[in-house]
Amino acid sequence: MTPFRRTCKEVTALVIAREDRALPWRDRLALRLHMAICAACPTFERQVFTMRNAMKQWRNYEGAEALARSADDQSPPKP
């Protein structure tokens, strides 16, 4: 097996690892080559992208809610 041929299991691990760190050029190239010939792995990659974006939105939502609560706490008491 050449260093650029990866199994679907290896590619899914690379997709997840790419969320946390930059991949070496060999891994990036292997990922691209595999994605070009595999039908399932690009679907998994899109799902990871969707989950990442959903988590970002959720974090921003929680932040906006916390800001609103702190603004309410700092407002003068109502008569």
N, C-alpha and C. Protein backbone atom coordinates (compact mmCIF):
# COMPACT_ATOMS: atom_id res chain seq x y z
N MET A 1 0.85 -1.18 0.00
CA MET A 1 0.00 0.00 0.00
C MET A 1 0.90 1.25 0.00
N THR A 2 0.56 2.21 -0.83
CA THR A 2 1.35 3.44 -0.88
C THR A 2 1.00 4.34 0.30
N PRO A 3 1.87 5.28 0.63
CA PRO A 3 1.60 6.14 1.79
C PRO A 3 0.41 7.08 1.57
N PHE A 4 -0.03 7.21 0.31
CA PHE A 4 -1.15 8.12 0.03
C PHE A 4 -2.49 7.41 -0.06
N ARG A 5 -2.49 6.08 -0.03
CA ARG A 5 -3.74 5.34 -0.04
C ARG A 5 -4.16 5.08 1.39
N ARG A 6 -5.36 5.49 1.70
CA ARG A 6 -5.87 5.32 3.06
C ARG A 6 -7.22 4.63 3.02
N THR A 7 -7.52 3.93 4.09
CA THR A 7 -8.83 3.29 4.22
C THR A 7 -9.83 4.35 4.71
N CYS A 8 -11.10 4.01 4.60
CA CYS A 8 -12.13 4.93 5.09
C CYS A 8 -11.97 5.18 6.59
N LYS A 9 -11.60 4.15 7.33
CA LYS A 9 -11.40 4.30 8.78
C LYS A 9 -10.27 5.29 9.06
N GLU A 10 -9.18 5.21 8.31
CA GLU A 10 -8.06 6.14 8.49
C GLU A 10 -8.45 7.55 8.09
N VAL A 11 -9.23 7.67 7.03
CA VAL A 11 -9.65 8.99 6.56
C VAL A 11 -10.60 9.66 7.56
N THR A 12 -11.52 8.89 8.13
CA THR A 12 -12.41 9.50 9.13
C THR A 12 -11.61 9.97 10.34
N ALA A 13 -10.58 9.24 10.71
CA ALA A 13 -9.71 9.68 11.82
C ALA A 13 -8.99 10.97 11.44
N LEU A 14 -8.57 11.10 10.19
CA LEU A 14 -7.91 12.33 9.74
C LEU A 14 -8.88 13.51 9.73
N VAL A 15 -10.11 13.27 9.31
CA VAL A 15 -11.11 14.34 9.29
C VAL A 15 -11.34 14.86 10.71
N ILE A 16 -11.42 13.95 11.66
CA ILE A 16 -11.62 14.36 13.05
C ILE A 16 -10.37 15.04 13.61
N ALA A 17 -9.20 14.51 13.29
CA ALA A 17 -7.95 15.11 13.77
C ALA A 17 -7.76 16.51 13.21
N ARG A 18 -8.24 16.72 11.99
CA ARG A 18 -8.11 18.04 11.36
C ARG A 18 -8.89 19.11 12.11
N GLU A 19 -9.87 18.71 12.89
CA GLU A 19 -10.62 19.66 13.71
C GLU A 19 -9.74 20.25 14.82
N ASP A 20 -8.75 19.49 15.27
CA ASP A 20 -7.93 19.91 16.41
C ASP A 20 -6.56 20.45 16.04
N ARG A 21 -6.05 20.03 14.90
CA ARG A 21 -4.68 20.42 14.55
C ARG A 21 -4.51 20.44 13.04
N ALA A 22 -3.44 21.10 12.61
CA ALA A 22 -3.10 21.10 11.18
C ALA A 22 -2.47 19.76 10.82
N LEU A 23 -2.88 19.23 9.68
CA LEU A 23 -2.34 17.94 9.25
C LEU A 23 -1.07 18.14 8.43
N PRO A 24 -0.14 17.19 8.50
CA PRO A 24 1.04 17.25 7.63
C PRO A 24 0.61 17.14 6.17
N TRP A 25 1.45 17.61 5.27
CA TRP A 25 1.09 17.64 3.85
C TRP A 25 0.76 16.27 3.30
N ARG A 26 1.44 15.23 3.77
CA ARG A 26 1.16 13.87 3.27
C ARG A 26 -0.26 13.44 3.64
N ASP A 27 -0.67 13.75 4.85
CA ASP A 27 -2.02 13.41 5.28
C ASP A 27 -3.06 14.23 4.52
N ARG A 28 -2.78 15.51 4.29
CA ARG A 28 -3.71 16.34 3.53
C ARG A 28 -3.88 15.81 2.11
N LEU A 29 -2.76 15.41 1.49
CA LEU A 29 -2.81 14.86 0.14
C LEU A 29 -3.57 13.53 0.11
N ALA A 30 -3.29 12.67 1.06
CA ALA A 30 -3.99 11.38 1.14
C ALA A 30 -5.49 11.60 1.33
N LEU A 31 -5.84 12.57 2.14
CA LEU A 31 -7.24 12.90 2.39
C LEU A 31 -7.92 13.34 1.10
N ARG A 32 -7.28 14.24 0.36
CA ARG A 32 -7.85 14.73 -0.90
C ARG A 32 -8.01 13.61 -1.92
N LEU A 33 -7.00 12.77 -2.04
CA LEU A 33 -7.07 11.67 -3.00
C LEU A 33 -8.20 10.71 -2.65
N HIS A 34 -8.32 10.38 -1.38
CA HIS A 34 -9.37 9.46 -0.96
C HIS A 34 -10.75 10.08 -1.18
N MET A 35 -10.91 11.35 -0.85
CA MET A 35 -12.21 12.02 -1.01
C MET A 35 -12.63 12.05 -2.48
N ALA A 36 -11.67 12.06 -3.39
CA ALA A 36 -11.98 12.10 -4.81
C ALA A 36 -12.56 10.78 -5.32
N ILE A 37 -12.25 9.67 -4.63
CA ILE A 37 -12.69 8.38 -5.14
C ILE A 37 -13.72 7.69 -4.26
N CYS A 38 -13.97 8.21 -3.08
CA CYS A 38 -14.88 7.56 -2.13
C CYS A 38 -16.22 8.30 -2.10
N ALA A 39 -17.29 7.54 -2.01
CA ALA A 39 -18.62 8.15 -1.94
C ALA A 39 -19.04 8.45 -0.49
N ALA A 40 -18.59 7.64 0.45
CA ALA A 40 -19.06 7.76 1.83
C ALA A 40 -18.30 8.82 2.63
N CYS A 41 -17.01 8.91 2.46
CA CYS A 41 -16.21 9.80 3.30
C CYS A 41 -16.54 11.29 3.14
N PRO A 42 -16.83 11.77 1.93
CA PRO A 42 -17.25 13.18 1.82
C PRO A 42 -18.55 13.46 2.59
N THR A 43 -19.43 12.47 2.66
CA THR A 43 -20.65 12.63 3.45
C THR A 43 -20.31 12.78 4.93
N PHE A 44 -19.40 11.95 5.40
CA PHE A 44 -18.96 12.05 6.80
C PHE A 44 -18.32 13.42 7.05
N GLU A 45 -17.50 13.88 6.12
CA GLU A 45 -16.85 15.19 6.26
C GLU A 45 -17.89 16.31 6.36
N ARG A 46 -18.93 16.25 5.54
CA ARG A 46 -20.00 17.26 5.60
C ARG A 46 -20.72 17.20 6.95
N GLN A 47 -20.93 15.99 7.47
CA GLN A 47 -21.59 15.84 8.77
C GLN A 47 -20.74 16.46 9.88
N VAL A 48 -19.43 16.25 9.84
CA VAL A 48 -18.54 16.85 10.83
C VAL A 48 -18.59 18.37 10.72
N PHE A 49 -18.58 18.88 9.49
CA PHE A 49 -18.67 20.33 9.26
C PHE A 49 -19.98 20.89 9.83
N THR A 50 -21.08 20.18 9.59
CA THR A 50 -22.38 20.61 10.09
C THR A 50 -22.40 20.63 11.62
N MET A 51 -21.85 19.57 12.24
CA MET A 51 -21.81 19.53 13.71
C MET A 51 -20.94 20.65 14.27
N ARG A 52 -19.79 20.93 13.63
CA ARG A 52 -18.92 22.01 14.09
C ARG A 52 -19.66 23.34 14.04
N ASN A 53 -20.35 23.61 12.94
CA ASN A 53 -21.09 24.87 12.81
C ASN A 53 -22.24 24.95 13.81
N ALA A 54 -22.92 23.84 14.05
CA ALA A 54 -24.00 23.84 15.03
C ALA A 54 -23.46 24.14 16.43
N MET A 55 -22.31 23.57 16.76
CA MET A 55 -21.72 23.83 18.07
C MET A 55 -21.30 25.29 18.21
N LYS A 56 -20.78 25.88 17.14
CA LYS A 56 -20.42 27.30 17.18
C LYS A 56 -21.66 28.16 17.42
N GLN A 57 -22.74 27.85 16.73
CA GLN A 57 -23.97 28.60 16.92
C GLN A 57 -24.51 28.42 18.33
N TRP A 58 -24.42 27.20 18.86
CA TRP A 58 -24.90 26.95 20.21
C TRP A 58 -24.09 27.75 21.23
N ARG A 59 -22.75 27.75 21.03
CA ARG A 59 -21.90 28.52 21.95
C ARG A 59 -22.25 30.00 21.89
N ASN A 60 -22.46 30.53 20.70
CA ASN A 60 -22.82 31.94 20.55
C ASN A 60 -24.18 32.22 21.16
N TYR A 61 -25.10 31.28 21.04
CA TYR A 61 -26.43 31.43 21.63
C TYR A 61 -26.32 31.51 23.14
N GLU A 62 -25.53 30.62 23.73
CA GLU A 62 -25.34 30.63 25.19
C GLU A 62 -24.70 31.94 25.63
N GLY A 63 -23.75 32.44 24.84
CA GLY A 63 -23.08 33.69 25.18
C GLY A 63 -24.05 34.86 25.16
N ALA A 64 -24.94 34.91 24.18
CA ALA A 64 -25.91 35.99 24.07
C ALA A 64 -26.89 35.93 25.24
N GLU A 65 -27.28 34.72 25.62
CA GLU A 65 -28.20 34.56 26.74
C GLU A 65 -27.55 35.01 28.05
N ALA A 66 -26.28 34.68 28.24
CA ALA A 66 -25.57 35.08 29.45
C ALA A 66 -25.40 36.59 29.51
N LEU A 67 -25.13 37.21 28.37
CA LEU A 67 -25.01 38.68 28.33
C LEU A 67 -26.33 39.33 28.70
N ALA A 68 -27.42 38.79 28.21
CA ALA A 68 -28.73 39.35 28.53
C ALA A 68 -29.01 39.23 30.02
N ARG A 69 -28.64 38.08 30.62
CA ARG A 69 -28.85 37.90 32.06
C ARG A 69 -28.00 38.89 32.86
N SER A 70 -26.74 39.09 32.46
CA SER A 70 -25.89 40.00 33.21
C SER A 70 -26.37 41.43 33.06
N ALA A 71 -26.93 41.78 31.91
CA ALA A 71 -27.47 43.13 31.71
C ALA A 71 -28.69 43.33 32.62
N ASP A 72 -29.51 42.28 32.76
CA ASP A 72 -30.67 42.37 33.66
C ASP A 72 -30.22 42.52 35.11
N ASP A 73 -29.13 41.85 35.48
CA ASP A 73 -28.63 41.93 36.85
C ASP A 73 -28.09 43.31 37.19
N GLN A 74 -27.59 44.03 36.17
CA GLN A 74 -27.00 45.34 36.40
C GLN A 74 -28.01 46.48 36.27
N SER A 75 -29.20 46.20 35.82
CA SER A 75 -30.18 47.26 35.65
C SER A 75 -30.74 47.66 37.02
N PRO A 76 -31.14 48.92 37.12
CA PRO A 76 -31.67 49.38 38.42
C PRO A 76 -32.98 48.66 38.73
N PRO A 77 -33.28 48.51 40.02
CA PRO A 77 -34.52 47.81 40.40
C PRO A 77 -35.74 48.56 39.88
N LYS A 78 -36.76 47.80 39.53
CA LYS A 78 -38.01 48.41 39.01
C LYS A 78 -38.89 48.77 40.18
N PRO A 79 -39.56 49.95 40.08
CA PRO A 79 -40.45 50.37 41.18
C PRO A 79 -41.71 49.57 41.28
